[in-house]
Protein backbone atom coordinates (compact mmCIF):
# COMPACT_ATOMS: atom_id res chain seq x y z
CA MET A 1 55.10 -46.93 -16.86
CA LYS A 2 54.39 -49.83 -14.51
CA ARG A 3 57.24 -51.02 -12.37
CA ASP A 4 57.56 -54.46 -14.01
CA GLN A 5 57.74 -52.84 -17.48
CA PHE A 6 60.18 -50.24 -16.15
CA LEU A 7 62.48 -52.93 -14.73
CA LYS A 8 62.38 -54.95 -17.98
CA THR A 9 63.36 -51.86 -19.97
CA THR A 10 66.20 -50.89 -17.73
CA LEU A 11 67.47 -54.42 -17.41
CA ALA A 12 67.62 -54.68 -21.16
CA GLY A 13 69.56 -51.50 -21.35
CA LEU A 14 72.03 -52.55 -18.70
CA ALA A 15 72.55 -55.95 -20.34
CA THR A 16 73.57 -54.04 -23.52
CA ALA A 17 76.01 -52.03 -21.34
CA GLY A 18 77.57 -55.26 -20.11
CA ILE A 19 76.03 -55.34 -16.65
CA SER A 20 74.32 -58.60 -15.64
CA PHE A 21 72.46 -59.50 -12.46
CA ARG A 22 69.29 -61.38 -11.52
CA SER A 23 67.04 -58.41 -11.14
CA VAL A 24 67.01 -54.82 -10.06
CA ASP A 25 65.07 -55.80 -6.87
CA ALA A 26 67.84 -58.29 -6.03
CA ALA A 27 70.50 -55.69 -6.69
CA ALA A 28 68.72 -53.18 -4.44
CA ARG A 29 68.68 -55.71 -1.60
CA GLU A 30 71.94 -57.59 -2.12
CA ARG A 31 74.90 -55.29 -2.13
CA SER A 32 77.20 -57.93 -3.47
CA SER A 33 75.31 -57.73 -6.78
CA TRP A 34 76.45 -54.10 -7.35
CA PRO A 35 78.88 -53.60 -10.22
CA VAL A 36 82.32 -52.19 -9.58
CA ILE A 37 81.96 -48.57 -8.56
CA ASP A 38 83.60 -46.37 -11.13
CA PRO A 39 82.48 -42.68 -11.16
CA SER A 40 83.86 -42.20 -14.65
CA ASP A 41 81.88 -45.13 -16.05
CA GLU A 42 78.48 -44.19 -17.56
CA ALA A 43 77.41 -47.85 -17.30
CA PHE A 44 77.77 -47.60 -13.55
CA TRP A 45 75.60 -44.51 -13.32
CA ALA A 46 73.06 -46.22 -15.63
CA PHE A 47 72.96 -48.96 -12.97
CA VAL A 48 72.48 -46.42 -10.20
CA ARG A 49 69.55 -44.94 -12.10
CA THR A 50 67.80 -48.27 -12.08
CA GLN A 51 67.71 -48.13 -8.32
CA PHE A 52 65.10 -45.35 -8.51
CA PRO A 53 61.40 -45.67 -9.45
CA LEU A 54 61.58 -42.09 -10.60
CA THR A 55 59.76 -41.84 -13.90
CA ARG A 56 61.71 -41.46 -17.12
CA ASP A 57 58.77 -39.66 -18.78
CA ARG A 58 60.19 -36.36 -17.56
CA ALA A 59 63.67 -35.16 -16.55
CA TYR A 60 63.71 -34.28 -12.87
CA PHE A 61 65.88 -31.28 -11.96
CA ASN A 62 64.47 -30.32 -8.56
CA THR A 63 66.44 -32.30 -6.01
CA GLY A 64 67.01 -28.97 -4.28
CA GLY A 65 63.34 -29.06 -3.52
CA LEU A 66 62.67 -32.73 -3.12
CA GLY A 67 64.88 -35.73 -3.72
CA ALA A 68 63.74 -38.97 -5.20
CA SER A 69 64.19 -42.02 -2.95
CA PRO A 70 65.75 -45.24 -4.29
CA TYR A 71 64.21 -48.70 -3.89
CA PRO A 72 66.38 -49.69 -0.90
CA VAL A 73 64.92 -46.71 1.05
CA ILE A 74 61.34 -47.37 -0.08
CA ASP A 75 61.70 -51.05 0.66
CA ALA A 76 63.13 -50.42 4.10
CA VAL A 77 60.22 -48.18 5.01
CA LYS A 78 57.62 -50.57 3.69
CA ALA A 79 59.19 -53.57 5.42
CA LYS A 80 59.31 -51.77 8.77
CA ILE A 81 55.72 -50.64 8.40
CA ASP A 82 54.63 -54.19 7.68
CA GLU A 83 56.61 -55.50 10.64
CA LEU A 84 55.30 -53.03 13.20
CA GLU A 85 51.69 -53.00 12.00
CA SER A 86 51.56 -56.79 12.21
CA ILE A 87 52.12 -56.44 15.96
CA SER A 88 50.91 -52.86 16.58
CA GLU A 89 54.08 -51.64 18.17
CA THR A 90 55.97 -48.33 17.86
CA GLY A 91 59.36 -50.04 17.41
CA HIS A 92 61.01 -47.50 19.71
CA THR A 93 64.26 -48.95 21.09
CA ASP A 94 67.41 -47.27 22.33
CA GLN A 95 69.48 -49.74 20.30
CA LEU A 96 67.76 -48.94 17.07
CA TRP A 97 68.05 -45.22 17.60
CA SER A 98 71.69 -45.65 18.54
CA ASN A 99 72.37 -47.71 15.37
CA ILE A 100 70.84 -45.08 13.13
CA LYS A 101 72.67 -42.21 14.82
CA THR A 102 75.93 -44.11 14.68
CA THR A 103 75.40 -44.35 10.89
CA ALA A 104 74.65 -40.65 10.71
CA GLY A 105 77.62 -39.78 12.95
CA THR A 106 79.98 -41.69 10.69
CA PHE A 107 78.44 -40.10 7.55
CA PHE A 108 78.67 -36.52 8.85
CA GLY A 109 81.81 -36.78 10.99
CA CYS A 110 80.48 -36.11 14.51
CA ASP A 111 79.62 -37.85 17.75
CA PRO A 112 76.27 -39.74 17.46
CA ALA A 113 75.26 -38.15 20.76
CA GLU A 114 75.35 -34.74 19.03
CA ILE A 115 72.59 -35.77 16.62
CA ALA A 116 68.83 -35.43 17.12
CA PHE A 117 66.18 -36.80 14.82
CA MET A 118 64.01 -34.07 13.31
CA ARG A 119 61.02 -34.02 10.91
CA ASN A 120 62.96 -31.72 8.53
CA ALA A 121 65.55 -28.90 8.47
CA THR A 122 62.80 -26.39 9.46
CA GLU A 123 62.21 -28.12 12.75
CA GLY A 124 65.94 -28.21 13.50
CA ILE A 125 66.17 -24.48 12.67
CA ASN A 126 63.34 -23.75 15.08
CA VAL A 127 64.93 -25.82 17.87
CA VAL A 128 68.08 -23.66 17.63
CA CYS A 129 66.30 -20.38 16.99
CA ASN A 130 63.98 -20.74 19.96
CA GLY A 131 66.51 -22.59 22.23
CA LEU A 132 69.30 -20.03 22.16
CA PRO A 133 69.29 -17.47 24.95
CA LEU A 134 68.73 -14.47 22.78
CA ARG A 135 67.26 -11.35 24.35
CA GLU A 136 65.97 -7.95 23.24
CA GLY A 137 68.71 -6.01 21.46
CA ASP A 138 70.85 -9.04 20.51
CA GLU A 139 71.80 -9.16 16.82
CA VAL A 140 71.71 -12.05 14.41
CA ILE A 141 73.62 -11.85 11.09
CA THR A 142 72.28 -13.72 8.13
CA THR A 143 72.05 -13.51 4.31
CA THR A 144 69.55 -12.03 1.98
CA HIS A 145 69.35 -15.37 0.15
CA GLU A 146 67.79 -17.52 2.84
CA HIS A 147 65.11 -20.20 2.23
CA VAL A 148 61.87 -19.37 3.93
CA ALA A 149 62.69 -22.05 6.52
CA ASN A 150 65.68 -20.00 7.72
CA SER A 151 63.85 -16.68 7.42
CA VAL A 152 60.49 -16.99 9.14
CA PRO A 153 61.80 -18.42 12.42
CA TRP A 154 64.25 -15.55 12.90
CA LEU A 155 61.65 -12.91 11.93
CA ALA A 156 59.21 -14.50 14.35
CA LEU A 157 61.85 -14.28 17.05
CA GLN A 158 62.54 -10.69 16.14
CA LYS A 159 58.82 -9.99 16.60
CA ARG A 160 58.57 -11.89 19.88
CA ARG A 161 61.87 -11.09 21.67
CA ARG A 162 62.79 -7.87 19.80
CA ILE A 163 66.15 -9.16 18.55
CA SER A 164 67.70 -7.46 15.51
CA VAL A 165 68.36 -9.27 12.29
CA ARG A 166 71.14 -7.84 10.02
CA PHE A 167 71.74 -8.97 6.46
CA PHE A 168 74.58 -9.30 3.96
CA GLU A 169 74.22 -9.96 0.24
CA PRO A 170 76.29 -13.03 -0.74
CA SER A 171 79.14 -11.92 -3.01
CA MET A 172 80.09 -13.86 -6.13
CA ARG A 173 83.55 -12.30 -6.30
CA SER A 174 85.24 -14.48 -3.68
CA ALA A 175 84.83 -16.35 -0.40
CA GLN A 176 86.97 -13.74 1.30
CA GLU A 177 84.53 -11.05 0.26
CA ASN A 178 81.78 -12.90 2.07
CA ILE A 179 83.88 -13.23 5.17
CA ASP A 180 84.64 -9.49 4.98
CA ARG A 181 80.95 -8.66 4.59
CA VAL A 182 80.08 -10.60 7.73
CA GLU A 183 82.97 -9.15 9.69
CA ARG A 184 81.83 -5.56 8.80
CA LEU A 185 78.41 -6.37 10.31
CA LEU A 186 79.78 -7.71 13.63
CA SER A 187 79.17 -5.52 16.63
CA THR A 188 79.23 -5.82 20.43
CA ARG A 189 75.58 -6.89 20.25
CA THR A 190 76.12 -9.71 17.75
CA ARG A 191 75.30 -13.09 19.29
CA LEU A 192 74.85 -15.34 16.28
CA ILE A 193 75.79 -15.80 12.61
CA SER A 194 73.19 -17.90 10.76
CA VAL A 195 74.04 -18.90 7.17
CA PRO A 196 73.29 -21.65 4.69
CA HIS A 197 76.03 -24.04 3.72
CA VAL A 198 74.75 -23.82 0.22
CA THR A 199 72.38 -21.00 -0.82
CA THR A 200 68.99 -22.09 -2.03
CA THR A 201 69.03 -19.33 -4.62
CA THR A 202 72.20 -19.71 -6.72
CA GLY A 203 73.73 -22.80 -5.19
CA GLN A 204 76.69 -20.92 -3.85
CA VAL A 205 78.89 -22.80 -1.36
CA LEU A 206 79.68 -20.53 1.48
CA PRO A 207 82.99 -20.70 3.49
CA ILE A 208 81.64 -22.27 6.63
CA ARG A 209 84.95 -23.20 8.17
CA ALA A 210 86.13 -19.57 7.80
CA PHE A 211 82.85 -18.27 9.25
CA SER A 212 83.37 -20.63 12.24
CA GLU A 213 86.85 -19.27 12.85
CA LEU A 214 85.59 -15.71 12.64
CA ALA A 215 82.65 -16.49 14.99
CA LYS A 216 84.95 -18.06 17.59
CA SER A 217 87.36 -15.10 17.42
CA ARG A 218 84.47 -12.77 18.19
CA ARG A 219 82.81 -15.14 20.74
CA VAL A 220 79.57 -15.44 18.81
CA TRP A 221 77.72 -18.65 17.73
CA LEU A 222 77.55 -20.05 14.27
CA PHE A 223 74.44 -21.85 13.03
CA VAL A 224 74.28 -23.47 9.60
CA ASP A 225 71.32 -24.43 7.44
CA GLY A 226 72.61 -27.54 5.70
CA ALA A 227 69.48 -28.50 3.78
CA GLN A 228 71.14 -28.03 0.39
CA ALA A 229 74.56 -29.53 1.31
CA ALA A 230 73.79 -32.78 3.16
CA GLY A 231 73.98 -35.57 0.58
CA MET A 232 75.39 -33.38 -2.24
CA PHE A 233 79.03 -33.40 -1.21
CA PRO A 234 81.09 -34.85 1.69
CA PHE A 235 81.93 -32.83 4.74
CA SER A 236 82.84 -33.30 8.40
CA LEU A 237 80.94 -31.37 11.02
CA ARG A 238 83.99 -31.62 13.33
CA GLU A 239 86.09 -29.88 10.70
CA LEU A 240 83.47 -27.24 9.86
CA GLY A 241 83.41 -26.23 13.56
CA CYS A 242 79.91 -24.83 13.67
CA ASP A 243 77.83 -24.79 16.87
CA ALA A 244 74.74 -26.30 15.26
CA TYR A 245 73.79 -27.61 11.83
CA ALA A 246 70.28 -28.50 10.57
CA MET A 247 69.54 -30.78 7.60
CA CYS A 248 66.68 -32.56 5.97
CA GLY A 249 66.57 -36.15 4.76
CA HIS A 250 64.31 -35.49 1.77
CA LYS A 251 66.56 -33.61 -0.60
CA TRP A 252 70.09 -34.67 -1.57
CA LEU A 253 70.17 -37.42 1.04
CA LEU A 254 67.35 -39.18 -0.88
CA GLY A 255 65.61 -40.23 2.27
CA PRO A 256 61.94 -40.45 3.24
CA LYS A 257 59.88 -37.24 3.36
CA GLU A 258 59.50 -35.77 6.85
CA THR A 259 62.91 -36.81 8.02
CA GLY A 260 65.77 -34.65 9.18
CA LEU A 261 68.71 -34.40 11.53
CA LEU A 262 69.96 -31.68 13.86
CA PHE A 263 73.60 -31.53 14.95
CA VAL A 264 74.23 -29.60 18.20
CA HIS A 265 77.86 -29.54 19.37
CA LYS A 266 78.21 -31.24 22.74
CA GLY A 267 79.47 -28.00 24.24
CA MET A 268 76.18 -26.32 23.20
CA LEU A 269 73.71 -28.84 24.57
CA ASP A 270 73.10 -26.83 27.71
CA VAL A 271 73.08 -23.58 25.77
CA VAL A 272 70.43 -24.52 23.20
CA GLU A 273 67.53 -25.07 25.60
CA ALA A 274 65.07 -27.87 24.81
CA LYS A 275 61.75 -25.95 24.57
CA PHE A 276 59.44 -28.74 23.27
CA VAL A 277 59.93 -31.88 25.36
CA GLY A 278 58.19 -35.04 26.32
CA ALA A 279 58.81 -38.78 26.48
CA TYR A 280 62.41 -39.56 25.50
CA SER A 281 63.67 -35.97 26.11
CA ASP A 282 64.59 -36.78 29.67
CA SER A 283 66.94 -39.10 31.56
CA GLY A 284 64.78 -39.10 34.64
CA PHE A 285 62.10 -37.05 36.34
CA ASP A 286 59.77 -37.02 39.34
CA PHE A 287 56.53 -35.23 38.56
CA GLU A 288 55.44 -34.90 42.17
CA LYS A 289 58.81 -33.55 43.33
CA GLY A 290 59.23 -31.37 40.28
CA THR A 291 62.59 -32.69 39.28
CA LEU A 292 63.74 -33.23 35.72
CA ALA A 293 67.02 -34.14 34.11
CA PHE A 294 67.34 -33.71 30.35
CA HIS A 295 68.86 -36.53 28.29
CA PRO A 296 72.62 -35.99 28.25
CA SER A 297 72.65 -36.12 24.38
CA ALA A 298 70.89 -34.30 21.60
CA GLN A 299 68.02 -36.65 22.17
CA ARG A 300 66.74 -34.01 24.60
CA TYR A 301 65.29 -32.27 21.53
CA GLU A 302 63.25 -35.32 20.60
CA TYR A 303 59.85 -36.20 22.11
CA GLY A 304 56.82 -38.41 21.80
CA THR A 305 55.75 -41.16 19.40
CA VAL A 306 57.58 -41.02 16.09
CA SER A 307 57.57 -42.97 12.87
CA ILE A 308 60.27 -45.63 13.15
CA PRO A 309 59.81 -46.75 9.48
CA LEU A 310 60.86 -43.26 8.36
CA ARG A 311 63.94 -43.27 10.54
CA VAL A 312 64.88 -46.75 9.27
CA GLY A 313 64.41 -45.36 5.76
CA LEU A 314 66.75 -42.47 6.46
CA GLN A 315 69.41 -44.90 7.64
CA ALA A 316 68.94 -46.84 4.41
CA ALA A 317 69.42 -43.61 2.48
CA LEU A 318 72.69 -42.87 4.29
CA GLU A 319 73.87 -46.41 3.63
CA PHE A 320 72.90 -46.16 -0.06
CA LEU A 321 74.99 -42.99 -0.58
CA SER A 322 77.80 -44.52 1.51
CA ARG A 323 77.76 -47.57 -0.70
CA ILE A 324 78.40 -45.36 -3.70
CA GLY A 325 80.75 -43.14 -1.73
CA MET A 326 80.08 -39.46 -1.10
CA SER A 327 83.22 -38.41 -3.03
CA ASN A 328 81.88 -40.33 -5.98
CA VAL A 329 78.47 -38.76 -5.59
CA TRP A 330 80.01 -35.32 -5.61
CA LYS A 331 82.25 -36.10 -8.60
CA ARG A 332 79.18 -37.14 -10.54
CA ASP A 333 77.14 -34.11 -9.45
CA GLN A 334 80.04 -31.86 -10.43
CA GLN A 335 80.41 -33.45 -13.85
CA LEU A 336 76.73 -32.87 -14.62
CA SER A 337 76.48 -29.39 -13.22
CA ALA A 338 79.78 -28.20 -14.68
CA TYR A 339 78.70 -29.34 -18.12
CA LEU A 340 75.39 -27.51 -17.65
CA TYR A 341 77.22 -24.36 -16.43
CA ARG A 342 79.50 -24.33 -19.48
CA GLN A 343 76.75 -24.83 -21.93
CA LEU A 344 74.50 -22.17 -20.37
CA SER A 345 77.41 -19.72 -20.23
CA SER A 346 77.89 -20.03 -23.95
CA MET A 347 74.27 -19.00 -24.70
CA PRO A 348 73.93 -15.25 -25.58
CA SER A 349 70.28 -15.35 -24.40
CA VAL A 350 71.19 -16.64 -20.93
CA ARG A 351 72.67 -15.07 -17.85
CA VAL A 352 74.09 -17.62 -15.35
CA LEU A 353 73.65 -16.46 -11.74
CA SER A 354 75.62 -19.26 -10.06
CA PRO A 355 79.37 -18.78 -9.11
CA ALA A 356 82.01 -19.15 -11.78
CA SER A 357 84.49 -20.51 -9.25
CA ASP A 358 84.56 -24.31 -9.04
CA SER A 359 85.14 -24.11 -5.27
CA GLU A 360 82.03 -22.03 -4.71
CA ARG A 361 79.73 -23.66 -7.24
CA SER A 362 77.50 -26.56 -6.13
CA ALA A 363 75.32 -28.96 -8.09
CA MET A 364 72.62 -26.33 -8.44
CA ILE A 365 72.85 -23.93 -11.37
CA THR A 366 70.56 -20.90 -11.57
CA PHE A 367 70.05 -18.80 -14.65
CA GLN A 368 67.87 -16.14 -16.20
CA HIS A 369 66.77 -15.70 -19.80
CA THR A 370 67.73 -12.21 -20.92
CA LYS A 371 64.47 -11.64 -22.86
CA VAL A 372 61.81 -13.82 -21.22
CA PRO A 373 60.53 -13.78 -17.55
CA PHE A 374 61.67 -16.83 -15.59
CA LEU A 375 58.10 -18.15 -14.98
CA ASP A 376 57.42 -18.11 -18.70
CA VAL A 377 60.64 -19.95 -19.34
CA GLN A 378 59.67 -22.47 -16.76
CA ALA A 379 56.22 -22.97 -18.36
CA HIS A 380 57.95 -23.53 -21.73
CA LEU A 381 60.30 -26.10 -20.30
CA ASN A 382 57.30 -27.89 -18.74
CA THR A 383 56.22 -28.65 -22.29
CA TYR A 384 59.52 -30.54 -22.72
CA LYS A 385 58.73 -32.49 -19.58
CA LEU A 386 61.51 -30.85 -17.61
CA ARG A 387 60.93 -30.25 -13.92
CA THR A 388 62.80 -27.10 -12.78
CA ARG A 389 62.40 -24.75 -9.80
CA GLY A 390 61.71 -21.00 -10.03
CA VAL A 391 63.73 -18.93 -7.56
CA SER A 392 62.16 -15.70 -6.34
CA GLU A 393 64.11 -15.57 -3.04
CA GLY A 394 66.60 -12.77 -2.73
CA GLY A 395 65.09 -11.11 -5.77
CA VAL A 396 66.87 -13.63 -8.00
CA ASN A 397 63.97 -14.36 -10.30
CA GLY A 398 65.64 -17.20 -12.14
CA LEU A 399 65.35 -20.91 -12.73
CA ARG A 400 67.29 -23.35 -10.61
CA ILE A 401 68.51 -26.69 -12.00
CA SER A 402 69.61 -29.41 -9.57
CA CYS A 403 71.90 -32.14 -10.87
CA HIS A 404 72.06 -35.36 -8.86
CA ILE A 405 73.06 -39.00 -9.37
CA TYR A 406 69.88 -39.97 -11.20
CA ASN A 407 70.25 -37.29 -13.87
CA THR A 408 72.06 -37.88 -17.13
CA PHE A 409 73.95 -35.83 -19.73
CA GLU A 410 71.17 -36.70 -22.20
CA GLU A 411 68.60 -35.06 -19.90
CA ILE A 412 70.76 -31.98 -19.68
CA ASP A 413 70.99 -31.82 -23.46
CA ARG A 414 67.18 -31.97 -23.54
CA LEU A 415 67.09 -29.12 -21.06
CA LEU A 416 69.52 -27.07 -23.16
CA GLU A 417 67.41 -27.74 -26.24
CA GLY A 418 64.33 -26.47 -24.40
CA ILE A 419 66.10 -23.34 -23.32
CA ARG A 420 67.33 -22.61 -26.87
CA SER A 421 63.77 -22.99 -28.19
CA VAL A 422 62.17 -20.45 -25.74
CA PRO A 423 60.05 -18.16 -27.89
CA THR A 424 61.14 -14.53 -27.62
CA GLY A 425 58.76 -12.87 -30.12
């Protein structure tokens, strides 16, 4: 559907719902045109849906893989490209970077100086993995349910530096059981605990604050892969207490692709060594004298010419979610995912793999069909124009459904209909 036709259709629907404004483009650009924010009002979420060019020809349930960007983000990127290309400049300015990091610091509850721009969570993971002073024989504790981005870097380090990687299987019984499993693996050689905030496999929310307290009591570091948490629910990095936290902008944050952020606690800046450096990593150097001072902030992990339009787009994404309110975003995501969880749990042909506990369940629900392989189920759902994600990590072999603010209950009902109609003969 062309954008003009799409806008006319959605405008007509919103007018029926009692929402009036000049145009969706105007609403995207002029925040005063937004309706009153009410997370219990379906008309409000219908309005939010109009802010995305995401096609309605299929139901998109793969935010855990790639989030759709709203018009304010897309427009911000396009506008900055047009501005900079008209004068052929990079747009690099300390003030702009400071503004964006201030927005991010407020959003994630940390000092802006503790934030570094990254291309994605993978780059942030690699900065920490390769920057920590780990040596042969040191142990890293992690889960068996890691995304490849938080697996390959540690395995490569194990091969290169001969560190030891130890694993625990995430327990679905309780958060305390996971804390106990980590504690049982701790030894005098343990230097780091590396875990996801939300597992990519079953969408389980792990007890990061408790892990942080355990790590500090045993004088080991805690690193968190936050790719599946940032933008899904609100949290404060200060309150979590981790030493470093990597996230991407292209999933739940709804930002441009190839954007990310890395938080490194200010007390860890001289511990996590900057391995890849260049222009902007320093606060002064003399090439001939061989002197170099790293930037006093996390900017030391940034280097070289970068895409300013993408960074501006990431700020627009943070502002878009902030406009709605992260508590409201999380309420909506919980409403959708809890409904899906309950419906799937009532199906005799389905085994739900995600946690039963509300406190440990995220907006991603993973399930298996008891009679049909998950890839065959996925292929069947494709015929219903339903975008899902197969999960083979951790031997899960299930289908993952991500529910975010552009999804609807009607789309979930369509998904449930597709699952019920999976041929078993």
